[in-house]
Amino acid sequence: MGFERAASITGLVLAMSCQSSGATRLDDPPRPVTAVESAGGQAGNPNMRAEPEPIPQAEPQPAPAALLVERLFELARDWKLDDAVARIERALEVELSGDDSRRSGTSARWPMTVAYHPPRSGRRGTLHISFTDATSVDLAEMTRRFGAAATRVESKESLVEFDGPAGVRIVAGLLGGLTPTSPVAWIRLEDRGPRPPPPKDLF
């Protein structure tokens, strides 16, 4: 009888010792881990904030064809004003270099080269732009701004001529015929005067 009482007291002491030390018994159910705890304990700390996702920067888009054609229209309208070189440089975003007979440069905004021939004795003034990317302007955009072409010549490199403002002639060379989507290879603004005959290889 004394032995059983001693064993019972020893078991009771061991049970109380386990409860006081916070040990988990094997038959206790597992405690679920919450999402807050699995996130590294950040939710419990108000000073810990998630970094915002970086906003992707859009690629710079080329200037639309409509803006370029509009600036050509303005240059034609003001063709007779002074400081033609300065106006061309501002409108087409190009730095022209050369002499009094010819100034040229490459636009910083549009894929094109620019050549300006000031008027001289016996020669008309001309502004010639050549596209290095033939998809920049098409015939539809030229027609929208300058109206129906006064002259149309269809060939391997088709030609259209528009009556621009202030009596300025606008001539454009097209690739792929005379459809609205035909890309423009080059555009020339020039004073009115006797029209030179077209090159023989156009026919």
Protein backbone atom coordinates (compact mmCIF):
# COMPACT_ATOMS: atom_id res chain seq x y z
CA MET A 1 0.00 0.00 0.00
CA GLY A 2 2.83 2.38 0.71
CA PHE A 3 4.47 1.58 -2.63
CA GLU A 4 1.29 2.44 -4.65
CA ARG A 5 0.86 5.71 -2.79
CA ALA A 6 4.45 6.71 -3.53
CA ALA A 7 4.03 5.90 -7.24
CA SER A 8 0.84 7.97 -7.42
CA ILE A 9 2.51 10.97 -5.81
CA THR A 10 5.51 10.69 -8.19
CA GLY A 11 3.18 10.65 -11.26
CA LEU A 12 1.28 13.67 -10.01
CA VAL A 13 4.52 15.64 -9.53
CA LEU A 14 5.72 14.79 -13.06
CA ALA A 15 2.41 15.86 -14.62
CA MET A 16 2.45 19.23 -12.84
CA SER A 17 6.08 19.75 -13.88
CA CYS A 18 5.23 19.22 -17.59
CA GLN A 19 2.30 21.65 -17.45
CA SER A 20 4.37 24.37 -15.81
CA SER A 21 7.19 24.06 -18.38
CA GLY A 22 4.77 24.53 -21.35
CA ALA A 23 5.66 21.14 -22.91
CA THR A 24 3.16 19.85 -25.47
CA ARG A 25 1.82 16.41 -25.08
CA LEU A 26 1.81 14.04 -28.02
CA ASP A 27 -1.99 13.88 -28.06
CA ASP A 28 -2.42 17.69 -28.29
CA PRO A 29 -3.79 18.82 -31.75
CA PRO A 30 -1.31 20.81 -33.90
CA ARG A 31 -1.84 24.56 -33.82
CA PRO A 32 -2.45 25.98 -37.34
CA VAL A 33 0.00 28.60 -38.59
CA THR A 34 -1.83 31.73 -39.72
CA ALA A 35 -1.04 33.68 -42.89
CA VAL A 36 0.05 36.63 -40.80
CA GLU A 37 2.70 34.54 -39.06
CA SER A 38 3.86 32.90 -42.29
CA ALA A 39 4.56 36.36 -43.74
CA GLY A 40 7.50 36.80 -41.44
CA GLY A 41 5.57 38.50 -38.68
CA GLN A 42 5.32 41.77 -40.65
CA ALA A 43 1.59 42.23 -40.02
CA GLY A 44 2.14 42.55 -36.31
CA ASN A 45 4.58 45.44 -36.77
CA PRO A 46 2.94 48.66 -38.08
CA ASN A 47 6.37 50.04 -39.07
CA MET A 48 6.97 47.21 -41.54
CA ARG A 49 5.37 48.12 -44.90
CA ALA A 50 5.56 46.23 -48.16
CA GLU A 51 7.51 48.03 -50.88
CA PRO A 52 5.27 49.17 -53.81
CA GLU A 53 5.73 47.43 -57.13
CA PRO A 54 7.79 49.56 -59.55
CA ILE A 55 5.68 51.10 -62.33
CA PRO A 56 7.03 50.04 -65.73
CA GLN A 57 8.10 52.98 -67.87
CA ALA A 58 6.49 53.17 -71.30
CA GLU A 59 8.81 53.18 -74.27
CA PRO A 60 9.04 56.62 -75.94
CA GLN A 61 6.77 56.73 -78.95
CA PRO A 62 7.76 58.38 -82.21
CA ALA A 63 6.04 61.63 -83.04
CA PRO A 64 2.86 61.01 -85.08
CA ALA A 65 2.83 61.62 -88.80
CA ALA A 66 0.02 64.14 -88.42
CA LEU A 67 2.23 66.49 -86.39
CA LEU A 68 5.03 66.34 -88.95
CA VAL A 69 2.69 67.07 -91.87
CA GLU A 70 1.13 69.93 -89.89
CA ARG A 71 4.56 71.48 -89.38
CA LEU A 72 5.27 71.17 -93.09
CA PHE A 73 1.98 72.97 -93.75
CA GLU A 74 3.03 75.79 -91.40
CA LEU A 75 6.42 76.07 -93.13
CA ALA A 76 4.68 76.33 -96.50
CA ARG A 77 2.27 78.95 -95.15
CA ASP A 78 5.16 81.09 -93.84
CA TRP A 79 7.45 80.35 -96.80
CA LYS A 80 8.01 84.03 -97.65
CA LEU A 81 8.97 85.09 -94.12
CA ASP A 82 12.54 85.85 -93.08
CA ASP A 83 14.77 83.50 -91.05
CA ALA A 84 13.75 80.42 -92.99
CA VAL A 85 16.65 78.39 -91.57
CA ALA A 86 15.64 79.13 -87.97
CA ARG A 87 11.98 78.27 -88.69
CA ILE A 88 12.91 74.98 -90.35
CA GLU A 89 15.20 74.02 -87.46
CA ARG A 90 12.43 74.67 -84.90
CA ALA A 91 9.63 73.01 -86.84
CA LEU A 92 11.52 69.86 -87.87
CA GLU A 93 13.82 69.67 -84.81
CA VAL A 94 16.97 69.60 -86.90
CA GLU A 95 20.27 71.45 -86.84
CA LEU A 96 21.22 72.61 -90.32
CA SER A 97 24.81 73.22 -91.35
CA GLY A 98 26.37 74.28 -94.62
CA ASP A 99 26.68 77.48 -96.61
CA ASP A 100 24.42 79.96 -98.36
CA SER A 101 23.75 77.55 -101.23
CA ARG A 102 22.73 74.48 -99.20
CA ARG A 103 22.11 73.58 -95.57
CA SER A 104 21.37 70.05 -94.36
CA GLY A 105 21.02 67.91 -91.25
CA THR A 106 19.26 64.93 -89.64
CA SER A 107 16.13 65.46 -87.57
CA ALA A 108 16.39 64.61 -83.86
CA ARG A 109 12.71 63.65 -83.73
CA TRP A 110 11.69 62.13 -87.04
CA PRO A 111 13.54 59.49 -89.10
CA MET A 112 14.52 61.82 -91.93
CA THR A 113 17.24 64.00 -93.38
CA VAL A 114 16.57 67.61 -94.31
CA ALA A 115 18.14 69.75 -97.06
CA TYR A 116 17.30 73.41 -97.61
CA HIS A 117 18.30 75.37 -100.72
CA PRO A 118 17.71 79.09 -100.22
CA PRO A 119 16.39 81.02 -103.20
CA ARG A 120 19.13 82.49 -105.34
CA SER A 121 19.31 84.31 -108.65
CA GLY A 122 17.63 82.09 -111.22
CA ARG A 123 16.84 79.32 -108.71
CA ARG A 124 13.79 78.65 -106.59
CA GLY A 125 14.05 77.98 -102.88
CA THR A 126 13.37 74.36 -101.92
CA LEU A 127 13.06 72.29 -98.76
CA HIS A 128 13.62 68.58 -99.32
CA ILE A 129 13.14 65.87 -96.69
CA SER A 130 14.01 62.21 -97.24
CA PHE A 131 12.64 59.56 -94.91
CA THR A 132 14.96 56.90 -93.55
CA ASP A 133 11.85 54.99 -92.37
CA ALA A 134 9.31 54.79 -95.17
CA THR A 135 6.43 54.04 -92.77
CA SER A 136 6.50 57.49 -91.18
CA VAL A 137 3.98 59.25 -93.48
CA ASP A 138 1.51 57.91 -96.03
CA LEU A 139 -0.55 59.45 -98.82
CA ALA A 140 -3.70 59.50 -96.68
CA GLU A 141 -2.05 61.86 -94.18
CA MET A 142 -0.79 64.17 -96.93
CA THR A 143 -4.27 64.26 -98.52
CA ARG A 144 -5.94 64.92 -95.17
CA ARG A 145 -3.88 68.07 -94.65
CA PHE A 146 -3.24 69.38 -98.17
CA GLY A 147 -6.40 68.22 -99.95
CA ALA A 148 -6.66 66.26 -103.17
CA ALA A 149 -3.47 66.08 -105.22
CA ALA A 150 -3.35 68.45 -108.18
CA THR A 151 -1.09 66.09 -110.14
CA ARG A 152 -0.63 62.33 -109.86
CA VAL A 153 1.97 60.29 -111.71
CA GLU A 154 1.97 56.55 -111.10
CA SER A 155 5.20 54.65 -111.74
CA LYS A 156 7.85 52.70 -109.86
CA GLU A 157 8.18 55.77 -107.62
CA SER A 158 4.86 57.57 -107.96
CA LEU A 159 4.59 61.33 -107.63
CA VAL A 160 1.83 63.53 -106.22
CA GLU A 161 1.75 67.31 -106.23
CA PHE A 162 -0.34 69.47 -103.91
CA ASP A 163 -1.23 73.14 -104.10
CA GLY A 164 0.01 74.29 -100.72
CA PRO A 165 -0.73 77.53 -98.86
CA ALA A 166 0.82 80.83 -99.96
CA GLY A 167 1.38 79.50 -103.47
CA VAL A 168 3.91 76.89 -102.38
CA ARG A 169 4.09 73.60 -104.26
CA ILE A 170 4.35 70.38 -102.24
CA VAL A 171 5.62 67.34 -104.12
CA ALA A 172 5.90 63.86 -102.62
CA GLY A 173 7.47 60.66 -103.90
CA LEU A 174 5.52 57.49 -103.02
CA LEU A 175 6.41 53.84 -102.84
CA GLY A 176 3.90 51.19 -103.91
CA GLY A 177 1.53 53.16 -106.12
CA LEU A 178 -1.11 55.75 -105.28
CA THR A 179 -3.20 54.00 -102.62
CA PRO A 180 -3.99 55.87 -99.37
CA THR A 181 -1.54 53.64 -97.47
CA SER A 182 1.32 54.18 -99.93
CA PRO A 183 4.32 55.29 -97.86
CA VAL A 184 6.00 58.60 -98.64
CA ALA A 185 9.71 58.32 -99.47
CA TRP A 186 10.39 62.06 -99.70
CA ILE A 187 8.62 65.43 -99.63
CA ARG A 188 9.70 68.67 -101.29
CA LEU A 189 8.42 72.19 -100.67
CA GLU A 190 9.30 74.67 -103.42
CA ASP A 191 8.46 78.04 -104.84
CA ARG A 192 6.08 78.01 -107.78
CA GLY A 193 7.64 78.41 -111.17
CA PRO A 194 8.24 76.48 -114.37
CA ARG A 195 8.03 72.81 -113.57
CA PRO A 196 11.06 70.85 -114.75
CA PRO A 197 10.27 67.76 -116.86
CA PRO A 198 10.09 64.52 -114.86
CA PRO A 199 13.08 62.17 -115.09
CA LYS A 200 12.86 59.73 -117.99
CA ASP A 201 13.14 56.69 -115.74
CA LEU A 202 9.73 57.44 -114.24
CA PHE A 203 8.02 56.07 -117.34
